[in-house]
Amino acid sequence: MADGTSDDHDTVLKAVDSGEARSLAELKRIVMERVPGEIVSVKLDHERSVLVYEFRILTAVGRLVEVEVDAADGTILEIENE
């Protein structure tokens, strides 16, 4: 049963190769500068035809923070539970 993961992976690779999206490593750096901690999960979403990464970060004080980032330009779109 297909879960779409390989399609998402291909979409991201093509977007990064064409310059339409930043690399995951660069996006992680941007997120860690804003919300330091340990990244516990990363999920790729398509919101209104935009690639968006959702990072879940466990902060030093034990709080789980969700950060949504525009994959194309690295703009932080939303921070929940900060």
PDB file of N, CA and C in Angstrom:
ATOM      1  N   MET A   1       0.846  -1.184   0.000  1.00  0.00           N
ATOM      2  CA  MET A   1       0.000   0.000   0.000  1.00  0.00           C
ATOM      3  C   MET A   1       0.889   1.243   0.000  1.00  0.00           C
ATOM      4  N   ALA A   2       0.654   2.148  -0.907  1.00  0.00           N
ATOM      5  CA  ALA A   2       1.461   3.359  -1.027  1.00  0.00           C
ATOM      6  C   ALA A   2       0.985   4.395  -0.021  1.00  0.00           C
ATOM      7  N   ASP A   3       1.944   5.098   0.588  1.00  0.00           N
ATOM      8  CA  ASP A   3       1.594   6.122   1.568  1.00  0.00           C
ATOM      9  C   ASP A   3       1.944   7.527   1.081  1.00  0.00           C
ATOM     10  N   GLY A   4       2.475   7.637  -0.135  1.00  0.00           N
ATOM     11  CA  GLY A   4       2.801   8.948  -0.662  1.00  0.00           C
ATOM     12  C   GLY A   4       4.183   9.434  -0.291  1.00  0.00           C
ATOM     13  N   THR A   5       4.889   8.717   0.581  1.00  0.00           N
ATOM     14  CA  THR A   5       6.189   9.165   1.057  1.00  0.00           C
ATOM     15  C   THR A   5       7.180   9.288  -0.081  1.00  0.00           C
ATOM     16  N   SER A   6       7.246   8.305  -0.957  1.00  0.00           N
ATOM     17  CA  SER A   6       8.190   8.352  -2.046  1.00  0.00           C
ATOM     18  C   SER A   6       7.843   9.467  -3.025  1.00  0.00           C
ATOM     19  N   ASP A   7       6.554   9.710  -3.247  1.00  0.00           N
ATOM     20  CA  ASP A   7       6.142  10.826  -4.097  1.00  0.00           C
ATOM     21  C   ASP A   7       6.560  12.154  -3.481  1.00  0.00           C
ATOM     22  N   ASP A   8       6.366  12.308  -2.155  1.00  0.00           N
ATOM     23  CA  ASP A   8       6.784  13.524  -1.454  1.00  0.00           C
ATOM     24  C   ASP A   8       8.288  13.716  -1.573  1.00  0.00           C
ATOM     25  N   HIS A   9       9.027  12.635  -1.390  1.00  0.00           N
ATOM     26  CA  HIS A   9      10.485  12.693  -1.462  1.00  0.00           C
ATOM     27  C   HIS A   9      10.920  13.161  -2.848  1.00  0.00           C
ATOM     28  N   ASP A  10      10.331  12.592  -3.891  1.00  0.00           N
ATOM     29  CA  ASP A  10      10.656  12.982  -5.263  1.00  0.00           C
ATOM     30  C   ASP A  10      10.302  14.446  -5.512  1.00  0.00           C
ATOM     31  N   THR A  11       9.150  14.870  -5.010  1.00  0.00           N
ATOM     32  CA  THR A  11       8.717  16.255  -5.174  1.00  0.00           C
ATOM     33  C   THR A  11       9.720  17.206  -4.536  1.00  0.00           C
ATOM     34  N   VAL A  12      10.164  16.865  -3.332  1.00  0.00           N
ATOM     35  CA  VAL A  12      11.120  17.716  -2.620  1.00  0.00           C
ATOM     36  C   VAL A  12      12.454  17.748  -3.348  1.00  0.00           C
ATOM     37  N   LEU A  13      12.939  16.590  -3.775  1.00  0.00           N
ATOM     38  CA  LEU A  13      14.219  16.554  -4.492  1.00  0.00           C
ATOM     39  C   LEU A  13      14.173  17.418  -5.746  1.00  0.00           C
ATOM     40  N   LYS A  14      13.101  17.317  -6.495  1.00  0.00           N
ATOM     41  CA  LYS A  14      12.967  18.128  -7.710  1.00  0.00           C
ATOM     42  C   LYS A  14      12.912  19.613  -7.359  1.00  0.00           C
ATOM     43  N   ALA A  15      12.192  19.953  -6.310  1.00  0.00           N
ATOM     44  CA  ALA A  15      12.070  21.353  -5.905  1.00  0.00           C
ATOM     45  C   ALA A  15      13.416  21.914  -5.440  1.00  0.00           C
ATOM     46  N   VAL A  16      14.186  21.128  -4.692  1.00  0.00           N
ATOM     47  CA  VAL A  16      15.501  21.578  -4.226  1.00  0.00           C
ATOM     48  C   VAL A  16      16.445  21.716  -5.414  1.00  0.00           C
ATOM     49  N   ASP A  17      16.444  20.715  -6.303  1.00  0.00           N
ATOM     50  CA  ASP A  17      17.322  20.753  -7.478  1.00  0.00           C
ATOM     51  C   ASP A  17      17.033  21.953  -8.369  1.00  0.00           C
ATOM     52  N   SER A  18      15.764  22.324  -8.483  1.00  0.00           N
ATOM     53  CA  SER A  18      15.383  23.435  -9.363  1.00  0.00           C
ATOM     54  C   SER A  18      15.491  24.795  -8.670  1.00  0.00           C
ATOM     55  N   GLY A  19      15.799  24.787  -7.371  1.00  0.00           N
ATOM     56  CA  GLY A  19      15.909  26.043  -6.639  1.00  0.00           C
ATOM     57  C   GLY A  19      14.584  26.536  -6.092  1.00  0.00           C
ATOM     58  N   GLU A  20      13.529  25.741  -6.232  1.00  0.00           N
ATOM     59  CA  GLU A  20      12.216  26.140  -5.735  1.00  0.00           C
ATOM     60  C   GLU A  20      12.062  25.907  -4.239  1.00  0.00           C
ATOM     61  N   ALA A  21      12.952  25.113  -3.647  1.00  0.00           N
ATOM     62  CA  ALA A  21      12.895  24.836  -2.208  1.00  0.00           C
ATOM     63  C   ALA A  21      14.312  24.785  -1.657  1.00  0.00           C
ATOM     64  N   ARG A  22      14.418  25.115  -0.394  1.00  0.00           N
ATOM     65  CA  ARG A  22      15.713  25.021   0.292  1.00  0.00           C
ATOM     66  C   ARG A  22      15.913  23.597   0.786  1.00  0.00           C
ATOM     67  N   SER A  23      17.155  23.239   1.032  1.00  0.00           N
ATOM     68  CA  SER A  23      17.448  21.894   1.516  1.00  0.00           C
ATOM     69  C   SER A  23      16.938  21.738   2.948  1.00  0.00           C
ATOM     70  N   LEU A  24      16.676  20.500   3.320  1.00  0.00           N
ATOM     71  CA  LEU A  24      16.213  20.221   4.675  1.00  0.00           C
ATOM     72  C   LEU A  24      17.254  20.661   5.701  1.00  0.00           C
ATOM     73  N   ALA A  25      18.529  20.478   5.398  1.00  0.00           N
ATOM     74  CA  ALA A  25      19.592  20.897   6.317  1.00  0.00           C
ATOM     75  C   ALA A  25      19.546  22.403   6.565  1.00  0.00           C
ATOM     76  N   GLU A  26      19.308  23.174   5.515  1.00  0.00           N
ATOM     77  CA  GLU A  26      19.229  24.630   5.670  1.00  0.00           C
ATOM     78  C   GLU A  26      17.992  25.029   6.468  1.00  0.00           C
ATOM     79  N   LEU A  27      16.869  24.358   6.207  1.00  0.00           N
ATOM     80  CA  LEU A  27      15.643  24.658   6.947  1.00  0.00           C
ATOM     81  C   LEU A  27      15.794  24.296   8.420  1.00  0.00           C
ATOM     82  N   LYS A  28      16.463  23.189   8.714  1.00  0.00           N
ATOM     83  CA  LYS A  28      16.711  22.808  10.113  1.00  0.00           C
ATOM     84  C   LYS A  28      17.524  23.883  10.822  1.00  0.00           C
ATOM     85  N   ARG A  29      18.534  24.412  10.134  1.00  0.00           N
ATOM     86  CA  ARG A  29      19.375  25.458  10.732  1.00  0.00           C
ATOM     87  C   ARG A  29      18.530  26.690  11.061  1.00  0.00           C
ATOM     88  N   ILE A  30      17.670  27.085  10.141  1.00  0.00           N
ATOM     89  CA  ILE A  30      16.806  28.251  10.360  1.00  0.00           C
ATOM     90  C   ILE A  30      15.905  28.028  11.574  1.00  0.00           C
ATOM     91  N   VAL A  31      15.307  26.844  11.657  1.00  0.00           N
ATOM     92  CA  VAL A  31      14.398  26.529  12.763  1.00  0.00           C
ATOM     93  C   VAL A  31      15.153  26.495  14.091  1.00  0.00           C
ATOM     94  N   MET A  32      16.347  25.886  14.111  1.00  0.00           N
ATOM     95  CA  MET A  32      17.112  25.777  15.356  1.00  0.00           C
ATOM     96  C   MET A  32      17.576  27.139  15.866  1.00  0.00           C
ATOM     97  N   GLU A  33      17.795  28.095  14.962  1.00  0.00           N
ATOM     98  CA  GLU A  33      18.160  29.445  15.394  1.00  0.00           C
ATOM     99  C   GLU A  33      17.004  30.108  16.123  1.00  0.00           C
ATOM    100  N   ARG A  34      15.794  29.794  15.712  1.00  0.00           N
ATOM    101  CA  ARG A  34      14.594  30.419  16.296  1.00  0.00           C
ATOM    102  C   ARG A  34      14.098  29.666  17.527  1.00  0.00           C
ATOM    103  N   VAL A  35      14.113  28.316  17.457  1.00  0.00           N
ATOM    104  CA  VAL A  35      13.609  27.487  18.558  1.00  0.00           C
ATOM    105  C   VAL A  35      14.646  26.404  18.842  1.00  0.00           C
ATOM    106  N   PRO A  36      15.595  26.680  19.750  1.00  0.00           N
ATOM    107  CA  PRO A  36      16.618  25.689  20.064  1.00  0.00           C
ATOM    108  C   PRO A  36      16.021  24.474  20.774  1.00  0.00           C
ATOM    109  N   GLY A  37      16.594  23.319  20.514  1.00  0.00           N
ATOM    110  CA  GLY A  37      16.143  22.090  21.151  1.00  0.00           C
ATOM    111  C   GLY A  37      16.466  20.897  20.281  1.00  0.00           C
ATOM    112  N   GLU A  38      15.766  19.807  20.524  1.00  0.00           N
ATOM    113  CA  GLU A  38      15.976  18.577  19.776  1.00  0.00           C
ATOM    114  C   GLU A  38      14.797  18.353  18.833  1.00  0.00           C
ATOM    115  N   ILE A  39      15.098  18.222  17.541  1.00  0.00           N
ATOM    116  CA  ILE A  39      14.043  17.940  16.568  1.00  0.00           C
ATOM    117  C   ILE A  39      13.629  16.490  16.750  1.00  0.00           C
ATOM    118  N   VAL A  40      12.345  16.275  17.071  1.00  0.00           N
ATOM    119  CA  VAL A  40      11.858  14.918  17.289  1.00  0.00           C
ATOM    120  C   VAL A  40      11.103  14.371  16.083  1.00  0.00           C
ATOM    121  N   SER A  41      10.604  15.255  15.205  1.00  0.00           N
ATOM    122  CA  SER A  41       9.974  14.783  13.970  1.00  0.00           C
ATOM    123  C   SER A  41       9.913  15.917  12.959  1.00  0.00           C
ATOM    124  N   VAL A  42       9.878  15.504  11.694  1.00  0.00           N
ATOM    125  CA  VAL A  42       9.728  16.446  10.587  1.00  0.00           C
ATOM    126  C   VAL A  42       8.701  15.847   9.638  1.00  0.00           C
ATOM    127  N   LYS A  43       7.731  16.667   9.254  1.00  0.00           N
ATOM    128  CA  LYS A  43       6.679  16.200   8.360  1.00  0.00           C
ATOM    129  C   LYS A  43       6.535  17.195   7.223  1.00  0.00           C
ATOM    130  N   LEU A  44       6.308  16.679   6.029  1.00  0.00           N
ATOM    131  CA  LEU A  44       6.106  17.522   4.866  1.00  0.00           C
ATOM    132  C   LEU A  44       4.621  17.610   4.570  1.00  0.00           C
ATOM    133  N   ASP A  45       4.131  18.827   4.382  1.00  0.00           N
ATOM    134  CA  ASP A  45       2.732  19.053   4.034  1.00  0.00           C
ATOM    135  C   ASP A  45       2.662  19.896   2.776  1.00  0.00           C
ATOM    136  N   HIS A  46       1.536  19.801   2.101  1.00  0.00           N
ATOM    137  CA  HIS A  46       1.227  20.683   0.979  1.00  0.00           C
ATOM    138  C   HIS A  46       0.066  21.545   1.449  1.00  0.00           C
ATOM    139  N   GLU A  47       0.317  22.833   1.625  1.00  0.00           N
ATOM    140  CA  GLU A  47      -0.746  23.747   2.054  1.00  0.00           C
ATOM    141  C   GLU A  47      -0.949  24.789   0.970  1.00  0.00           C
ATOM    142  N   ARG A  48      -2.135  24.773   0.368  1.00  0.00           N
ATOM    143  CA  ARG A  48      -2.455  25.707  -0.715  1.00  0.00           C
ATOM    144  C   ARG A  48      -1.363  25.701  -1.781  1.00  0.00           C
ATOM    145  N   SER A  49      -0.984  24.504  -2.214  1.00  0.00           N
ATOM    146  CA  SER A  49       0.033  24.260  -3.251  1.00  0.00           C
ATOM    147  C   SER A  49       1.430  24.757  -2.858  1.00  0.00           C
ATOM    148  N   VAL A  50       1.669  24.950  -1.571  1.00  0.00           N
ATOM    149  CA  VAL A  50       2.984  25.355  -1.073  1.00  0.00           C
ATOM    150  C   VAL A  50       3.547  24.198  -0.254  1.00  0.00           C
ATOM    151  N   LEU A  51       4.839  23.894  -0.460  1.00  0.00           N
ATOM    152  CA  LEU A  51       5.488  22.874   0.363  1.00  0.00           C
ATOM    153  C   LEU A  51       5.824  23.482   1.717  1.00  0.00           C
ATOM    154  N   VAL A  52       5.362  22.839   2.779  1.00  0.00           N
ATOM    155  CA  VAL A  52       5.582  23.322   4.140  1.00  0.00           C
ATOM    156  C   VAL A  52       6.121  22.180   4.982  1.00  0.00           C
ATOM    157  N   TYR A  53       7.213  22.434   5.685  1.00  0.00           N
ATOM    158  CA  TYR A  53       7.735  21.463   6.641  1.00  0.00           C
ATOM    159  C   TYR A  53       7.215  21.805   8.029  1.00  0.00           C
ATOM    160  N   GLU A  54       6.806  20.777   8.757  1.00  0.00           N
ATOM    161  CA  GLU A  54       6.400  20.955  10.145  1.00  0.00           C
ATOM    162  C   GLU A  54       7.443  20.246  11.018  1.00  0.00           C
ATOM    163  N   PHE A  55       8.150  21.028  11.806  1.00  0.00           N
ATOM    164  CA  PHE A  55       9.155  20.495  12.727  1.00  0.00           C
ATOM    165  C   PHE A  55       8.545  20.423  14.116  1.00  0.00           C
ATOM    166  N   ARG A  56       8.736  19.312  14.798  1.00  0.00           N
ATOM    167  CA  ARG A  56       8.383  19.212  16.216  1.00  0.00           C
ATOM    168  C   ARG A  56       9.695  19.197  16.986  1.00  0.00           C
ATOM    169  N   ILE A  57       9.798  20.116  17.937  1.00  0.00           N
ATOM    170  CA  ILE A  57      11.044  20.314  18.666  1.00  0.00           C
ATOM    171  C   ILE A  57      10.775  20.198  20.154  1.00  0.00           C
ATOM    172  N   LEU A  58      11.609  19.425  20.822  1.00  0.00           N
ATOM    173  CA  LEU A  58      11.566  19.314  22.277  1.00  0.00           C
ATOM    174  C   LEU A  58      12.591  20.294  22.832  1.00  0.00           C
ATOM    175  N   THR A  59      12.097  21.311  23.555  1.00  0.00           N
ATOM    176  CA  THR A  59      12.995  22.340  24.079  1.00  0.00           C
ATOM    177  C   THR A  59      13.698  21.848  25.344  1.00  0.00           C
ATOM    178  N   ALA A  60      14.685  22.619  25.786  1.00  0.00           N
ATOM    179  CA  ALA A  60      15.458  22.263  26.973  1.00  0.00           C
ATOM    180  C   ALA A  60      14.595  22.183  28.224  1.00  0.00           C
ATOM    181  N   VAL A  61      13.471  22.896  28.249  1.00  0.00           N
ATOM    182  CA  VAL A  61      12.583  22.871  29.414  1.00  0.00           C
ATOM    183  C   VAL A  61      11.484  21.823  29.267  1.00  0.00           C
ATOM    184  N   GLY A  62      11.591  20.981  28.229  1.00  0.00           N
ATOM    185  CA  GLY A  62      10.655  19.880  28.068  1.00  0.00           C
ATOM    186  C   GLY A  62       9.361  20.218  27.363  1.00  0.00           C
ATOM    187  N   ARG A  63       9.311  21.357  26.725  1.00  0.00           N
ATOM    188  CA  ARG A  63       8.105  21.768  25.998  1.00  0.00           C
ATOM    189  C   ARG A  63       8.204  21.300  24.547  1.00  0.00           C
ATOM    190  N   LEU A  64       7.096  20.761  23.998  1.00  0.00           N
ATOM    191  CA  LEU A  64       7.041  20.359  22.601  1.00  0.00           C
ATOM    192  C   LEU A  64       6.505  21.535  21.787  1.00  0.00           C
ATOM    193  N   VAL A  65       7.323  22.014  20.852  1.00  0.00           N
ATOM    194  CA  VAL A  65       6.973  23.175  20.038  1.00  0.00           C
ATOM    195  C   VAL A  65       6.878  22.726  18.580  1.00  0.00           C
ATOM    196  N   GLU A  66       5.839  23.182  17.889  1.00  0.00           N
ATOM    197  CA  GLU A  66       5.688  22.885  16.470  1.00  0.00           C
ATOM    198  C   GLU A  66       5.984  24.145  15.664  1.00  0.00           C
ATOM    199  N   VAL A  67       6.840  23.983  14.661  1.00  0.00           N
ATOM    200  CA  VAL A  67       7.233  25.107  13.816  1.00  0.00           C
ATOM    201  C   VAL A  67       6.942  24.746  12.364  1.00  0.00           C
ATOM    202  N   GLU A  68       6.160  25.581  11.680  1.00  0.00           N
ATOM    203  CA  GLU A  68       5.883  25.384  10.264  1.00  0.00           C
ATOM    204  C   GLU A  68       6.751  26.350   9.464  1.00  0.00           C
ATOM    205  N   VAL A  69       7.414  25.781   8.425  1.00  0.00           N
ATOM    206  CA  VAL A  69       8.364  26.555   7.628  1.00  0.00           C
ATOM    207  C   VAL A  69       8.043  26.392   6.145  1.00  0.00           C
ATOM    208  N   ASP A  70       8.035  27.501   5.430  1.00  0.00           N
ATOM    209  CA  ASP A  70       7.870  27.474   3.980  1.00  0.00           C
ATOM    210  C   ASP A  70       9.145  26.879   3.380  1.00  0.00           C
ATOM    211  N   ALA A  71       9.013  25.763   2.675  1.00  0.00           N
ATOM    212  CA  ALA A  71      10.177  25.073   2.124  1.00  0.00           C
ATOM    213  C   ALA A  71      10.874  25.902   1.052  1.00  0.00           C
ATOM    214  N   ALA A  72      10.145  26.769   0.388  1.00  0.00           N
ATOM    215  CA  ALA A  72      10.722  27.533  -0.712  1.00  0.00           C
ATOM    216  C   ALA A  72      11.694  28.606  -0.240  1.00  0.00           C
ATOM    217  N   ASP A  73      11.326  29.347   0.800  1.00  0.00           N
ATOM    218  CA  ASP A  73      12.174  30.472   1.194  1.00  0.00           C
ATOM    219  C   ASP A  73      12.633  30.442   2.652  1.00  0.00           C
ATOM    220  N   GLY A  74      12.209  29.431   3.411  1.00  0.00           N
ATOM    221  CA  GLY A  74      12.660  29.314   4.799  1.00  0.00           C
ATOM    222  C   GLY A  74      11.916  30.206   5.774  1.00  0.00           C
ATOM    223  N   THR A  75      10.852  30.841   5.325  1.00  0.00           N
ATOM    224  CA  THR A  75      10.069  31.702   6.213  1.00  0.00           C
ATOM    225  C   THR A  75       9.331  30.850   7.238  1.00  0.00           C
ATOM    226  N   ILE A  76       9.447  31.228   8.508  1.00  0.00           N
ATOM    227  CA  ILE A  76       8.696  30.548   9.552  1.00  0.00           C
ATOM    228  C   ILE A  76       7.262  31.075   9.485  1.00  0.00           C
ATOM    229  N   LEU A  77       6.331  30.161   9.236  1.00  0.00           N
ATOM    230  CA  LEU A  77       4.938  30.544   9.059  1.00  0.00           C
ATOM    231  C   LEU A  77       4.162  30.556  10.353  1.00  0.00           C
ATOM    232  N   GLU A  78       4.508  29.614  11.244  1.00  0.00           N
ATOM    233  CA  GLU A  78       3.760  29.504  12.488  1.00  0.00           C
ATOM    234  C   GLU A  78       4.603  28.778  13.524  1.00  0.00           C
ATOM    235  N   ILE A  79       4.483  29.213  14.768  1.00  0.00           N
ATOM    236  CA  ILE A  79       5.108  28.525  15.908  1.00  0.00           C
ATOM    237  C   ILE A  79       4.005  28.283  16.925  1.00  0.00           C
ATOM    238  N   GLU A  80       3.804  27.024  17.280  1.00  0.00           N
ATOM    239  CA  GLU A  80       2.771  26.677  18.278  1.00  0.00           C
ATOM    240  C   GLU A  80       3.444  26.223  19.558  1.00  0.00           C
ATOM    241  N   ASN A  81       2.851  26.618  20.684  1.00  0.00           N
ATOM    242  CA  ASN A  81       3.285  26.206  22.026  1.00  0.00           C
ATOM    243  C   ASN A  81       4.635  26.767  22.427  1.00  0.00           C
ATOM    244  N   GLU A  82       5.028  27.902  21.859  1.00  0.00           N
ATOM    245  CA  GLU A  82       6.328  28.501  22.196  1.00  0.00           C
ATOM    246  C   GLU A  82       6.312  29.054  23.604  1.00  0.00           C
TER     247      GLU A  82
END
